[in-house]
Amino acid sequence: MIVVLESDAHALEDGEISFEQYMEPLAADYATAVLEAQDRFSYHNVIGQPTYPMSRMQAKRILDELSQSYNDDTPDVVHTLLRRKINIDPSPLRTLVLSDQSGKQLNKTLTVMPLPHKPPPVNQDVIDTLYDIRTTPYASSFLSRLLGFQPSDRPGIIACDWRTRPPWVDLMNDVHEHYTFRHPDAEHPTRVDAPIEYTTLRRDHLPQIHELLNRAFWSVTDSLEYNPEQCTIVATYRKLVVGAAFLSSPVETYITYLAVKPGFENAQIATSMLYHLISLNPQKDITLHVSTTNPAMLLYNRFGFKAEEFVVGFYEDYIESQTRGSMNAFRLRLRQ
């Protein structure tokens, strides 16, 4: 690299001295610097021959020779690649010199990082123990995420919901915490969270289901005779029945009941029961009647039920006349 002083630059611009005259005493030093740089960055190729980076003048000379050879013959692939390479980087020597100088400047501000510590040797006994594991404990299994932290011993269980927090459960927790706060010296039982379990109908459910449905349109005892594992969904919290959904039979697939215990509303229990009831009866049309003023219409619409018929006075034989709800009903159908 040649640095021109500012005074010499003005002399060159004013024509007081020509460029050749200015460079003549420096030519020998420049040639020596080029040779020293080439020697410094030289290396031996795969066949042992010394290789030197080209200067800009050498690259220009090679390009001129290639251009002259192209006038007569079509250039081959090797010459084309060589010319392209030289055009991209016409002076490898200059690039190496500049990068070497910039690297020296950067190195002044860099510090050497300490070598990372070698990781401790692997305990082969631990590896062998891990590979010897052939089964997964229930508490760590995917099944525990579906059915809960403790395996349920109740028959007919379909799903287990640990996330839902019904209002009644929150109220009971508040009552327990308030009592604990008011009586700190008393002995308090530990409250353990319990899930909402969805099961098929069992005989021990019947008393609570009758109480839940209060004035039943008809007895649900016969539901045990029509494939309860396919036509019934019962939601329980611990041993308390909090919801029920029934089909009349696996052939007729008419929803006779869908009810949730007070205090457990707005907890997606009815939605879950309806979902499981539909899942147990795939590829079957499901029908039901619902009062025209029943908010459950929105729930049925979300599942794809469509109104097929408007029935006047459908509930007159089943509901007292003082009831605020409408006696009229829609007949809905879910086509699958």
C-alpha atoms as a PDB file:
ATOM      1  CA  MET A   1       0.000   0.000   0.000  1.00  0.00           C
ATOM      2  CA  ILE A   2       1.438   3.416  -1.032  1.00  0.00           C
ATOM      3  CA  VAL A   3       0.505   6.493   0.987  1.00  0.00           C
ATOM      4  CA  VAL A   4       0.711   9.859  -0.826  1.00  0.00           C
ATOM      5  CA  LEU A   5       1.401  12.880   1.340  1.00  0.00           C
ATOM      6  CA  GLU A   6      -1.033  15.793   1.099  1.00  0.00           C
ATOM      7  CA  SER A   7       1.666  18.163  -0.232  1.00  0.00           C
ATOM      8  CA  ASP A   8       2.660  15.637  -2.893  1.00  0.00           C
ATOM      9  CA  ALA A   9      -0.982  15.174  -3.847  1.00  0.00           C
ATOM     10  CA  HIS A  10      -1.349  18.906  -4.528  1.00  0.00           C
ATOM     11  CA  ALA A  11       1.848  18.817  -6.599  1.00  0.00           C
ATOM     12  CA  LEU A  12       0.471  15.935  -8.674  1.00  0.00           C
ATOM     13  CA  GLU A  13      -2.859  17.717  -9.188  1.00  0.00           C
ATOM     14  CA  ASP A  14      -1.174  20.984 -10.240  1.00  0.00           C
ATOM     15  CA  GLY A  15       1.080  19.169 -12.720  1.00  0.00           C
ATOM     16  CA  GLU A  16       4.267  20.270 -11.052  1.00  0.00           C
ATOM     17  CA  ILE A  17       5.447  16.667 -11.076  1.00  0.00           C
ATOM     18  CA  SER A  18       4.247  13.696 -13.110  1.00  0.00           C
ATOM     19  CA  PHE A  19       3.080  10.444 -11.573  1.00  0.00           C
ATOM     20  CA  GLU A  20       5.974   8.547 -13.189  1.00  0.00           C
ATOM     21  CA  GLN A  21       8.473  10.990 -11.691  1.00  0.00           C
ATOM     22  CA  TYR A  22       6.841  10.670  -8.281  1.00  0.00           C
ATOM     23  CA  MET A  23       6.777   6.859  -8.383  1.00  0.00           C
ATOM     24  CA  GLU A  24      10.248   6.309  -9.827  1.00  0.00           C
ATOM     25  CA  PRO A  25      12.155   6.446  -6.478  1.00  0.00           C
ATOM     26  CA  LEU A  26       9.441   4.311  -4.841  1.00  0.00           C
ATOM     27  CA  ALA A  27       9.194   1.595  -7.481  1.00  0.00           C
ATOM     28  CA  ALA A  28      12.051  -0.450  -6.071  1.00  0.00           C
ATOM     29  CA  ASP A  29      10.650  -0.293  -2.535  1.00  0.00           C
ATOM     30  CA  TYR A  30       7.161  -1.179  -3.837  1.00  0.00           C
ATOM     31  CA  ALA A  31       8.461  -4.214  -5.740  1.00  0.00           C
ATOM     32  CA  THR A  32      10.366  -5.368  -2.663  1.00  0.00           C
ATOM     33  CA  ALA A  33       7.241  -4.966  -0.501  1.00  0.00           C
ATOM     34  CA  VAL A  34       5.175  -6.997  -3.000  1.00  0.00           C
ATOM     35  CA  LEU A  35       7.713  -9.840  -2.991  1.00  0.00           C
ATOM     36  CA  GLU A  36       7.917  -9.837   0.807  1.00  0.00           C
ATOM     37  CA  ALA A  37       4.113  -9.949   1.067  1.00  0.00           C
ATOM     38  CA  GLN A  38       3.910 -12.806  -1.429  1.00  0.00           C
ATOM     39  CA  ASP A  39       6.538 -14.739   0.502  1.00  0.00           C
ATOM     40  CA  ARG A  40       4.709 -14.125   3.768  1.00  0.00           C
ATOM     41  CA  PHE A  41       1.396 -15.436   2.436  1.00  0.00           C
ATOM     42  CA  SER A  42       2.817 -18.196   0.271  1.00  0.00           C
ATOM     43  CA  TYR A  43       2.036 -21.859   0.899  1.00  0.00           C
ATOM     44  CA  HIS A  44       2.629 -25.230  -0.729  1.00  0.00           C
ATOM     45  CA  ASN A  45      -0.208 -26.816  -2.661  1.00  0.00           C
ATOM     46  CA  VAL A  46      -1.219 -30.476  -2.619  1.00  0.00           C
ATOM     47  CA  ILE A  47       1.598 -31.451  -4.986  1.00  0.00           C
ATOM     48  CA  GLY A  48       4.239 -29.572  -3.003  1.00  0.00           C
ATOM     49  CA  GLN A  49       4.696 -26.572  -5.305  1.00  0.00           C
ATOM     50  CA  PRO A  50       4.979 -23.110  -3.720  1.00  0.00           C
ATOM     51  CA  THR A  51       1.924 -20.924  -4.379  1.00  0.00           C
ATOM     52  CA  TYR A  52       1.896 -17.135  -4.149  1.00  0.00           C
ATOM     53  CA  PRO A  53      -1.123 -14.796  -4.059  1.00  0.00           C
ATOM     54  CA  MET A  54      -1.445 -12.630  -7.164  1.00  0.00           C
ATOM     55  CA  SER A  55      -0.982  -8.914  -7.184  1.00  0.00           C
ATOM     56  CA  ARG A  56      -3.355  -6.669  -9.110  1.00  0.00           C
ATOM     57  CA  MET A  57      -0.849  -6.270 -11.961  1.00  0.00           C
ATOM     58  CA  GLN A  58      -0.435 -10.024 -12.310  1.00  0.00           C
ATOM     59  CA  ALA A  59      -4.183 -10.521 -12.364  1.00  0.00           C
ATOM     60  CA  LYS A  60      -4.574  -7.867 -15.080  1.00  0.00           C
ATOM     61  CA  ARG A  61      -1.891  -9.528 -17.162  1.00  0.00           C
ATOM     62  CA  ILE A  62      -3.673 -12.904 -16.938  1.00  0.00           C
ATOM     63  CA  LEU A  63      -6.995 -11.319 -17.913  1.00  0.00           C
ATOM     64  CA  ASP A  64      -5.399  -9.709 -20.958  1.00  0.00           C
ATOM     65  CA  GLU A  65      -3.941 -13.045 -22.036  1.00  0.00           C
ATOM     66  CA  LEU A  66      -7.310 -14.750 -21.614  1.00  0.00           C
ATOM     67  CA  SER A  67      -9.051 -12.027 -23.616  1.00  0.00           C
ATOM     68  CA  GLN A  68      -6.607 -12.437 -26.498  1.00  0.00           C
ATOM     69  CA  SER A  69      -7.144 -16.205 -26.569  1.00  0.00           C
ATOM     70  CA  TYR A  70     -10.932 -15.699 -26.705  1.00  0.00           C
ATOM     71  CA  ASN A  71     -10.727 -13.758 -29.976  1.00  0.00           C
ATOM     72  CA  ASP A  72      -9.998 -16.900 -31.954  1.00  0.00           C
ATOM     73  CA  ASP A  73     -11.574 -19.790 -30.060  1.00  0.00           C
ATOM     74  CA  THR A  74     -14.591 -20.308 -27.861  1.00  0.00           C
ATOM     75  CA  PRO A  75     -13.388 -20.289 -24.213  1.00  0.00           C
ATOM     76  CA  ASP A  76     -13.564 -23.584 -22.388  1.00  0.00           C
ATOM     77  CA  VAL A  77     -15.027 -24.084 -18.917  1.00  0.00           C
ATOM     78  CA  VAL A  78     -11.697 -23.813 -17.089  1.00  0.00           C
ATOM     79  CA  HIS A  79     -10.805 -20.472 -18.676  1.00  0.00           C
ATOM     80  CA  THR A  80     -14.299 -19.135 -18.040  1.00  0.00           C
ATOM     81  CA  LEU A  81     -14.154 -20.061 -14.354  1.00  0.00           C
ATOM     82  CA  LEU A  82     -10.663 -18.588 -14.040  1.00  0.00           C
ATOM     83  CA  ARG A  83     -11.736 -15.315 -15.558  1.00  0.00           C
ATOM     84  CA  ARG A  84     -14.796 -15.135 -13.345  1.00  0.00           C
ATOM     85  CA  LYS A  85     -12.702 -15.810 -10.256  1.00  0.00           C
ATOM     86  CA  ILE A  86     -10.211 -13.081 -11.134  1.00  0.00           C
ATOM     87  CA  ASN A  87     -13.002 -10.577 -11.784  1.00  0.00           C
ATOM     88  CA  ILE A  88     -14.507 -11.282  -8.369  1.00  0.00           C
ATOM     89  CA  ASP A  89     -11.186 -11.003  -6.496  1.00  0.00           C
ATOM     90  CA  PRO A  90      -8.691  -9.222  -8.800  1.00  0.00           C
ATOM     91  CA  SER A  91      -6.016  -8.845  -6.124  1.00  0.00           C
ATOM     92  CA  PRO A  92      -5.796 -11.673  -3.567  1.00  0.00           C
ATOM     93  CA  LEU A  93      -2.509 -10.265  -2.303  1.00  0.00           C
ATOM     94  CA  ARG A  94      -4.054  -6.901  -1.485  1.00  0.00           C
ATOM     95  CA  THR A  95      -7.001  -8.613   0.244  1.00  0.00           C
ATOM     96  CA  LEU A  96      -4.674 -10.683   2.416  1.00  0.00           C
ATOM     97  CA  VAL A  97      -2.521  -7.693   3.362  1.00  0.00           C
ATOM     98  CA  LEU A  98      -5.509  -5.552   4.351  1.00  0.00           C
ATOM     99  CA  SER A  99      -7.185  -8.339   6.312  1.00  0.00           C
ATOM    100  CA  ASP A 100      -3.906  -9.084   8.108  1.00  0.00           C
ATOM    101  CA  GLN A 101      -3.526  -5.431   9.130  1.00  0.00           C
ATOM    102  CA  SER A 102      -7.140  -5.126  10.297  1.00  0.00           C
ATOM    103  CA  GLY A 103      -6.717  -8.336  12.270  1.00  0.00           C
ATOM    104  CA  LYS A 104      -3.693  -6.899  14.050  1.00  0.00           C
ATOM    105  CA  GLN A 105      -5.685  -3.814  15.021  1.00  0.00           C
ATOM    106  CA  LEU A 106      -8.539  -5.897  16.362  1.00  0.00           C
ATOM    107  CA  ASN A 107      -6.265  -8.175  18.303  1.00  0.00           C
ATOM    108  CA  LYS A 108      -5.192  -5.235  20.460  1.00  0.00           C
ATOM    109  CA  THR A 109      -8.688  -5.018  21.940  1.00  0.00           C
ATOM    110  CA  LEU A 110      -9.329  -8.745  22.275  1.00  0.00           C
ATOM    111  CA  THR A 111      -8.523 -10.954  25.209  1.00  0.00           C
ATOM    112  CA  VAL A 112      -8.006 -14.656  25.136  1.00  0.00           C
ATOM    113  CA  MET A 113     -10.907 -16.554  26.673  1.00  0.00           C
ATOM    114  CA  PRO A 114     -10.061 -19.316  29.108  1.00  0.00           C
ATOM    115  CA  LEU A 115     -10.497 -22.816  27.846  1.00  0.00           C
ATOM    116  CA  PRO A 116     -13.803 -24.378  28.856  1.00  0.00           C
ATOM    117  CA  HIS A 117     -13.695 -26.937  31.584  1.00  0.00           C
ATOM    118  CA  LYS A 118     -14.001 -30.485  30.442  1.00  0.00           C
ATOM    119  CA  PRO A 119     -17.328 -32.073  31.375  1.00  0.00           C
ATOM    120  CA  PRO A 120     -17.166 -34.614  34.165  1.00  0.00           C
ATOM    121  CA  PRO A 121     -16.940 -38.220  33.066  1.00  0.00           C
ATOM    122  CA  VAL A 122     -20.229 -39.999  32.477  1.00  0.00           C
ATOM    123  CA  ASN A 123     -21.290 -42.360  35.217  1.00  0.00           C
ATOM    124  CA  GLN A 124     -21.868 -45.572  33.317  1.00  0.00           C
ATOM    125  CA  ASP A 125     -23.948 -47.020  36.166  1.00  0.00           C
ATOM    126  CA  VAL A 126     -26.493 -44.221  35.707  1.00  0.00           C
ATOM    127  CA  ILE A 127     -26.651 -44.829  31.956  1.00  0.00           C
ATOM    128  CA  ASP A 128     -27.148 -48.554  32.468  1.00  0.00           C
ATOM    129  CA  THR A 129     -29.895 -47.920  35.017  1.00  0.00           C
ATOM    130  CA  LEU A 130     -31.758 -45.630  32.616  1.00  0.00           C
ATOM    131  CA  TYR A 131     -31.555 -48.173  29.805  1.00  0.00           C
ATOM    132  CA  ASP A 132     -32.853 -50.874  32.155  1.00  0.00           C
ATOM    133  CA  ILE A 133     -36.157 -48.990  32.623  1.00  0.00           C
ATOM    134  CA  ARG A 134     -38.865 -50.894  30.761  1.00  0.00           C
ATOM    135  CA  THR A 135     -42.038 -49.497  32.364  1.00  0.00           C
ATOM    136  CA  THR A 136     -43.217 -46.031  33.406  1.00  0.00           C
ATOM    137  CA  PRO A 137     -44.777 -45.437  36.842  1.00  0.00           C
ATOM    138  CA  TYR A 138     -48.418 -44.398  36.677  1.00  0.00           C
ATOM    139  CA  ALA A 139     -47.709 -41.001  38.253  1.00  0.00           C
ATOM    140  CA  SER A 140     -45.304 -40.201  35.387  1.00  0.00           C
ATOM    141  CA  SER A 141     -47.340 -41.717  32.565  1.00  0.00           C
ATOM    142  CA  PHE A 142     -49.475 -40.035  29.928  1.00  0.00           C
ATOM    143  CA  LEU A 143     -52.468 -41.970  31.258  1.00  0.00           C
ATOM    144  CA  SER A 144     -52.197 -40.069  34.541  1.00  0.00           C
ATOM    145  CA  ARG A 145     -52.607 -36.828  32.603  1.00  0.00           C
ATOM    146  CA  LEU A 146     -55.858 -38.163  31.167  1.00  0.00           C
ATOM    147  CA  LEU A 147     -57.325 -39.869  34.230  1.00  0.00           C
ATOM    148  CA  GLY A 148     -55.715 -37.890  37.037  1.00  0.00           C
ATOM    149  CA  PHE A 149     -52.874 -38.154  39.490  1.00  0.00           C
ATOM    150  CA  GLN A 150     -54.334 -41.219  41.178  1.00  0.00           C
ATOM    151  CA  PRO A 151     -55.635 -44.163  39.161  1.00  0.00           C
ATOM    152  CA  SER A 152     -59.413 -44.415  39.414  1.00  0.00           C
ATOM    153  CA  ASP A 153     -60.849 -47.735  40.497  1.00  0.00           C
ATOM    154  CA  ARG A 154     -64.364 -46.838  39.363  1.00  0.00           C
ATOM    155  CA  PRO A 155     -65.645 -48.889  36.413  1.00  0.00           C
ATOM    156  CA  GLY A 156     -66.834 -47.291  33.199  1.00  0.00           C
ATOM    157  CA  ILE A 157     -64.744 -44.126  33.463  1.00  0.00           C
ATOM    158  CA  ILE A 158     -64.475 -42.207  30.160  1.00  0.00           C
ATOM    159  CA  ALA A 159     -62.552 -39.039  31.021  1.00  0.00           C
ATOM    160  CA  CYS A 160     -61.140 -37.176  34.000  1.00  0.00           C
ATOM    161  CA  ASP A 161     -61.009 -33.351  34.139  1.00  0.00           C
ATOM    162  CA  TRP A 162     -58.598 -31.799  36.651  1.00  0.00           C
ATOM    163  CA  ARG A 163     -58.747 -28.256  35.255  1.00  0.00           C
ATOM    164  CA  THR A 164     -62.418 -27.398  35.732  1.00  0.00           C
ATOM    165  CA  ARG A 165     -63.198 -25.447  38.909  1.00  0.00           C
ATOM    166  CA  PRO A 166     -67.005 -25.307  39.378  1.00  0.00           C
ATOM    167  CA  PRO A 167     -68.415 -22.444  41.498  1.00  0.00           C
ATOM    168  CA  TRP A 168     -69.583 -24.881  44.197  1.00  0.00           C
ATOM    169  CA  VAL A 169     -66.030 -26.211  44.649  1.00  0.00           C
ATOM    170  CA  ASP A 170     -64.620 -22.675  44.960  1.00  0.00           C
ATOM    171  CA  LEU A 171     -67.336 -21.845  47.499  1.00  0.00           C
ATOM    172  CA  MET A 172     -66.506 -24.905  49.626  1.00  0.00           C
ATOM    173  CA  ASN A 173     -62.812 -24.005  49.520  1.00  0.00           C
ATOM    174  CA  ASP A 174     -63.633 -20.473  50.686  1.00  0.00           C
ATOM    175  CA  VAL A 175     -65.737 -21.839  53.549  1.00  0.00           C
ATOM    176  CA  HIS A 176     -62.926 -24.165  54.602  1.00  0.00           C
ATOM    177  CA  GLU A 177     -60.315 -21.397  54.471  1.00  0.00           C
ATOM    178  CA  HIS A 178     -62.573 -19.042  56.440  1.00  0.00           C
ATOM    179  CA  TYR A 179     -63.156 -21.654  59.135  1.00  0.00           C
ATOM    180  CA  THR A 180     -59.426 -22.383  59.302  1.00  0.00           C
ATOM    181  CA  PHE A 181     -58.715 -18.676  59.741  1.00  0.00           C
ATOM    182  CA  ARG A 182     -61.338 -18.273  62.476  1.00  0.00           C
ATOM    183  CA  HIS A 183     -60.213 -21.399  64.366  1.00  0.00           C
ATOM    184  CA  PRO A 184     -56.426 -21.616  63.975  1.00  0.00           C
ATOM    185  CA  ASP A 185     -56.009 -23.905  67.003  1.00  0.00           C
ATOM    186  CA  ALA A 186     -58.489 -26.518  65.817  1.00  0.00           C
ATOM    187  CA  GLU A 187     -57.454 -29.618  63.930  1.00  0.00           C
ATOM    188  CA  HIS A 188     -58.369 -29.202  60.276  1.00  0.00           C
ATOM    189  CA  PRO A 189     -58.582 -32.044  57.773  1.00  0.00           C
ATOM    190  CA  THR A 190     -56.441 -31.704  54.687  1.00  0.00           C
ATOM    191  CA  ARG A 191     -58.466 -30.948  51.565  1.00  0.00           C
ATOM    192  CA  VAL A 192     -57.337 -32.841  48.486  1.00  0.00           C
ATOM    193  CA  ASP A 193     -58.296 -31.693  45.009  1.00  0.00           C
ATOM    194  CA  ALA A 194     -60.537 -34.028  43.052  1.00  0.00           C
ATOM    195  CA  PRO A 195     -61.378 -34.098  39.344  1.00  0.00           C
ATOM    196  CA  ILE A 196     -64.672 -34.106  37.489  1.00  0.00           C
ATOM    197  CA  GLU A 197     -65.033 -37.697  36.293  1.00  0.00           C
ATOM    198  CA  TYR A 198     -67.180 -38.700  33.339  1.00  0.00           C
ATOM    199  CA  THR A 199     -68.466 -42.262  33.559  1.00  0.00           C
ATOM    200  CA  THR A 200     -71.293 -44.372  32.254  1.00  0.00           C
ATOM    201  CA  LEU A 201     -74.374 -44.935  34.384  1.00  0.00           C
ATOM    202  CA  ARG A 202     -74.157 -47.303  37.353  1.00  0.00           C
ATOM    203  CA  ARG A 203     -76.867 -48.436  39.737  1.00  0.00           C
ATOM    204  CA  ASP A 204     -75.403 -46.501  42.659  1.00  0.00           C
ATOM    205  CA  HIS A 205     -75.873 -43.291  40.631  1.00  0.00           C
ATOM    206  CA  LEU A 206     -79.664 -43.630  40.434  1.00  0.00           C
ATOM    207  CA  PRO A 207     -80.690 -42.014  43.766  1.00  0.00           C
ATOM    208  CA  GLN A 208     -78.604 -38.912  43.124  1.00  0.00           C
ATOM    209  CA  ILE A 209     -79.678 -38.686  39.494  1.00  0.00           C
ATOM    210  CA  HIS A 210     -83.347 -38.831  40.513  1.00  0.00           C
ATOM    211  CA  GLU A 211     -82.659 -36.018  42.963  1.00  0.00           C
ATOM    212  CA  LEU A 212     -80.769 -34.064  40.304  1.00  0.00           C
ATOM    213  CA  LEU A 213     -83.584 -34.321  37.791  1.00  0.00           C
ATOM    214  CA  ASN A 214     -86.085 -33.573  40.572  1.00  0.00           C
ATOM    215  CA  ARG A 215     -89.418 -34.050  38.790  1.00  0.00           C
ATOM    216  CA  ALA A 216     -88.287 -36.610  36.221  1.00  0.00           C
ATOM    217  CA  PHE A 217     -90.388 -36.935  33.119  1.00  0.00           C
ATOM    218  CA  TRP A 218     -90.116 -40.671  33.620  1.00  0.00           C
ATOM    219  CA  SER A 219     -87.987 -43.022  35.684  1.00  0.00           C
ATOM    220  CA  VAL A 220     -84.401 -43.407  34.558  1.00  0.00           C
ATOM    221  CA  THR A 221     -84.058 -46.862  36.074  1.00  0.00           C
ATOM    222  CA  ASP A 222     -84.654 -48.492  32.694  1.00  0.00           C
ATOM    223  CA  SER A 223     -81.605 -46.686  31.295  1.00  0.00           C
ATOM    224  CA  LEU A 224     -79.533 -49.515  32.737  1.00  0.00           C
ATOM    225  CA  GLU A 225     -81.277 -51.898  30.339  1.00  0.00           C
ATOM    226  CA  TYR A 226     -80.290 -50.095  27.116  1.00  0.00           C
ATOM    227  CA  ASN A 227     -76.532 -50.266  26.753  1.00  0.00           C
ATOM    228  CA  PRO A 228     -75.569 -47.768  29.487  1.00  0.00           C
ATOM    229  CA  GLU A 229     -71.943 -47.893  28.320  1.00  0.00           C
ATOM    230  CA  GLN A 230     -73.104 -46.307  25.029  1.00  0.00           C
ATOM    231  CA  CYS A 231     -76.130 -44.237  26.018  1.00  0.00           C
ATOM    232  CA  THR A 232     -75.280 -42.637  29.368  1.00  0.00           C
ATOM    233  CA  ILE A 233     -72.769 -40.094  30.639  1.00  0.00           C
ATOM    234  CA  VAL A 234     -72.598 -39.230  34.339  1.00  0.00           C
ATOM    235  CA  ALA A 235     -70.352 -36.464  35.723  1.00  0.00           C
ATOM    236  CA  THR A 236     -69.212 -36.924  39.321  1.00  0.00           C
ATOM    237  CA  TYR A 237     -67.150 -34.879  41.766  1.00  0.00           C
ATOM    238  CA  ARG A 238     -65.722 -37.302  44.306  1.00  0.00           C
ATOM    239  CA  LYS A 239     -68.874 -39.388  44.945  1.00  0.00           C
ATOM    240  CA  LEU A 240     -71.306 -36.579  44.169  1.00  0.00           C
ATOM    241  CA  VAL A 241     -73.225 -36.748  40.888  1.00  0.00           C
ATOM    242  CA  VAL A 242     -73.039 -33.278  39.332  1.00  0.00           C
ATOM    243  CA  GLY A 243     -74.360 -33.947  35.817  1.00  0.00           C
ATOM    244  CA  ALA A 244     -76.109 -36.513  33.642  1.00  0.00           C
ATOM    245  CA  ALA A 245     -76.803 -36.987  29.930  1.00  0.00           C
ATOM    246  CA  PHE A 246     -78.868 -39.893  28.568  1.00  0.00           C
ATOM    247  CA  LEU A 247     -79.896 -41.306  25.218  1.00  0.00           C
ATOM    248  CA  SER A 248     -83.118 -43.302  25.005  1.00  0.00           C
ATOM    249  CA  SER A 249     -81.377 -46.217  23.247  1.00  0.00           C
ATOM    250  CA  PRO A 250     -78.443 -46.876  20.898  1.00  0.00           C
ATOM    251  CA  VAL A 251     -80.944 -47.359  18.059  1.00  0.00           C
ATOM    252  CA  GLU A 252     -83.194 -44.336  18.533  1.00  0.00           C
ATOM    253  CA  THR A 253     -80.401 -42.025  19.806  1.00  0.00           C
ATOM    254  CA  TYR A 254     -82.804 -39.479  21.291  1.00  0.00           C
ATOM    255  CA  ILE A 255     -81.425 -37.311  24.105  1.00  0.00           C
ATOM    256  CA  THR A 256     -83.847 -37.648  26.995  1.00  0.00           C
ATOM    257  CA  TYR A 257     -81.848 -35.804  29.664  1.00  0.00           C
ATOM    258  CA  LEU A 258     -79.023 -33.299  29.870  1.00  0.00           C
ATOM    259  CA  ALA A 259     -78.796 -31.690  33.298  1.00  0.00           C
ATOM    260  CA  VAL A 260     -76.153 -30.169  35.599  1.00  0.00           C
ATOM    261  CA  LYS A 261     -76.405 -29.829  39.374  1.00  0.00           C
ATOM    262  CA  PRO A 262     -76.839 -26.259  40.697  1.00  0.00           C
ATOM    263  CA  GLY A 263     -73.494 -24.809  41.714  1.00  0.00           C
ATOM    264  CA  PHE A 264     -71.679 -26.618  38.919  1.00  0.00           C
ATOM    265  CA  GLU A 265     -72.989 -24.531  36.016  1.00  0.00           C
ATOM    266  CA  ASN A 266     -70.728 -22.541  33.687  1.00  0.00           C
ATOM    267  CA  ALA A 267     -67.934 -25.092  34.113  1.00  0.00           C
ATOM    268  CA  GLN A 268     -68.249 -26.738  30.675  1.00  0.00           C
ATOM    269  CA  ILE A 269     -69.681 -29.889  32.275  1.00  0.00           C
ATOM    270  CA  ALA A 270     -72.728 -29.984  29.979  1.00  0.00           C
ATOM    271  CA  THR A 271     -70.470 -29.384  26.982  1.00  0.00           C
ATOM    272  CA  SER A 272     -68.182 -32.251  27.985  1.00  0.00           C
ATOM    273  CA  MET A 273     -71.071 -34.654  28.599  1.00  0.00           C
ATOM    274  CA  LEU A 274     -72.659 -33.853  25.239  1.00  0.00           C
ATOM    275  CA  TYR A 275     -69.304 -34.284  23.499  1.00  0.00           C
ATOM    276  CA  HIS A 276     -68.702 -37.716  25.043  1.00  0.00           C
ATOM    277  CA  LEU A 277     -72.290 -38.793  24.345  1.00  0.00           C
ATOM    278  CA  ILE A 278     -71.887 -37.924  20.654  1.00  0.00           C
ATOM    279  CA  SER A 279     -68.466 -39.608  20.544  1.00  0.00           C
ATOM    280  CA  LEU A 280     -69.966 -42.859  21.859  1.00  0.00           C
ATOM    281  CA  ASN A 281     -72.482 -42.893  18.985  1.00  0.00           C
ATOM    282  CA  PRO A 282     -70.609 -41.964  15.793  1.00  0.00           C
ATOM    283  CA  GLN A 283     -72.303 -41.911  12.384  1.00  0.00           C
ATOM    284  CA  LYS A 284     -75.759 -41.775  13.984  1.00  0.00           C
ATOM    285  CA  ASP A 285     -78.259 -38.934  13.817  1.00  0.00           C
ATOM    286  CA  ILE A 286     -79.073 -37.629  17.303  1.00  0.00           C
ATOM    287  CA  THR A 287     -82.363 -35.863  18.051  1.00  0.00           C
ATOM    288  CA  LEU A 288     -83.835 -34.013  21.032  1.00  0.00           C
ATOM    289  CA  HIS A 289     -86.487 -31.517  22.081  1.00  0.00           C
ATOM    290  CA  VAL A 290     -85.573 -28.281  23.827  1.00  0.00           C
ATOM    291  CA  SER A 291     -87.739 -25.496  25.172  1.00  0.00           C
ATOM    292  CA  THR A 292     -87.807 -22.371  23.028  1.00  0.00           C
ATOM    293  CA  THR A 293     -86.597 -20.302  26.007  1.00  0.00           C
ATOM    294  CA  ASN A 294     -83.883 -22.709  27.143  1.00  0.00           C
ATOM    295  CA  PRO A 295     -80.362 -21.191  26.863  1.00  0.00           C
ATOM    296  CA  ALA A 296     -79.095 -24.693  26.031  1.00  0.00           C
ATOM    297  CA  MET A 297     -80.107 -23.906  22.439  1.00  0.00           C
ATOM    298  CA  LEU A 298     -76.756 -22.122  22.076  1.00  0.00           C
ATOM    299  CA  LEU A 299     -74.920 -25.230  23.283  1.00  0.00           C
ATOM    300  CA  TYR A 300     -76.700 -27.465  20.776  1.00  0.00           C
ATOM    301  CA  ASN A 301     -76.054 -25.011  17.952  1.00  0.00           C
ATOM    302  CA  ARG A 302     -72.317 -25.105  18.672  1.00  0.00           C
ATOM    303  CA  PHE A 303     -72.365 -28.864  18.150  1.00  0.00           C
ATOM    304  CA  GLY A 304     -74.234 -28.554  14.851  1.00  0.00           C
ATOM    305  CA  PHE A 305     -77.829 -29.364  15.872  1.00  0.00           C
ATOM    306  CA  LYS A 306     -80.403 -27.865  13.488  1.00  0.00           C
ATOM    307  CA  ALA A 307     -84.089 -27.138  14.162  1.00  0.00           C
ATOM    308  CA  GLU A 308     -86.434 -29.404  12.198  1.00  0.00           C
ATOM    309  CA  GLU A 309     -89.805 -28.779  13.817  1.00  0.00           C
ATOM    310  CA  PHE A 310     -91.615 -26.361  16.123  1.00  0.00           C
ATOM    311  CA  VAL A 311     -93.873 -28.264  18.537  1.00  0.00           C
ATOM    312  CA  VAL A 312     -96.615 -26.302  20.312  1.00  0.00           C
ATOM    313  CA  GLY A 313     -97.354 -27.345  23.908  1.00  0.00           C
ATOM    314  CA  PHE A 314     -94.736 -30.115  23.979  1.00  0.00           C
ATOM    315  CA  TYR A 315     -94.090 -29.739  27.731  1.00  0.00           C
ATOM    316  CA  GLU A 316     -97.713 -29.238  28.890  1.00  0.00           C
ATOM    317  CA  ASP A 317     -97.988 -32.816  30.162  1.00  0.00           C
ATOM    318  CA  TYR A 318     -94.656 -32.723  31.993  1.00  0.00           C
ATOM    319  CA  ILE A 319     -94.215 -29.233  33.461  1.00  0.00           C
ATOM    320  CA  GLU A 320     -96.464 -27.353  35.863  1.00  0.00           C
ATOM    321  CA  SER A 321     -98.394 -24.485  34.365  1.00  0.00           C
ATOM    322  CA  GLN A 322     -96.793 -21.986  36.791  1.00  0.00           C
ATOM    323  CA  THR A 323     -93.369 -22.662  35.308  1.00  0.00           C
ATOM    324  CA  ARG A 324     -91.800 -19.551  33.778  1.00  0.00           C
ATOM    325  CA  GLY A 325     -90.292 -21.525  30.890  1.00  0.00           C
ATOM    326  CA  SER A 326     -92.068 -21.926  27.575  1.00  0.00           C
ATOM    327  CA  MET A 327     -94.237 -24.988  26.984  1.00  0.00           C
ATOM    328  CA  ASN A 328     -93.297 -24.969  23.300  1.00  0.00           C
ATOM    329  CA  ALA A 329     -90.243 -26.766  21.979  1.00  0.00           C
ATOM    330  CA  PHE A 330     -87.949 -27.135  19.009  1.00  0.00           C
ATOM    331  CA  ARG A 331     -87.098 -30.566  17.662  1.00  0.00           C
ATOM    332  CA  LEU A 332     -83.366 -30.559  16.865  1.00  0.00           C
ATOM    333  CA  ARG A 333     -81.303 -33.038  14.886  1.00  0.00           C
ATOM    334  CA  LEU A 334     -77.565 -33.582  14.565  1.00  0.00           C
ATOM    335  CA  ARG A 335     -76.784 -35.286  11.268  1.00  0.00           C
ATOM    336  CA  GLN A 336     -73.615 -37.393  11.231  1.00  0.00           C
END
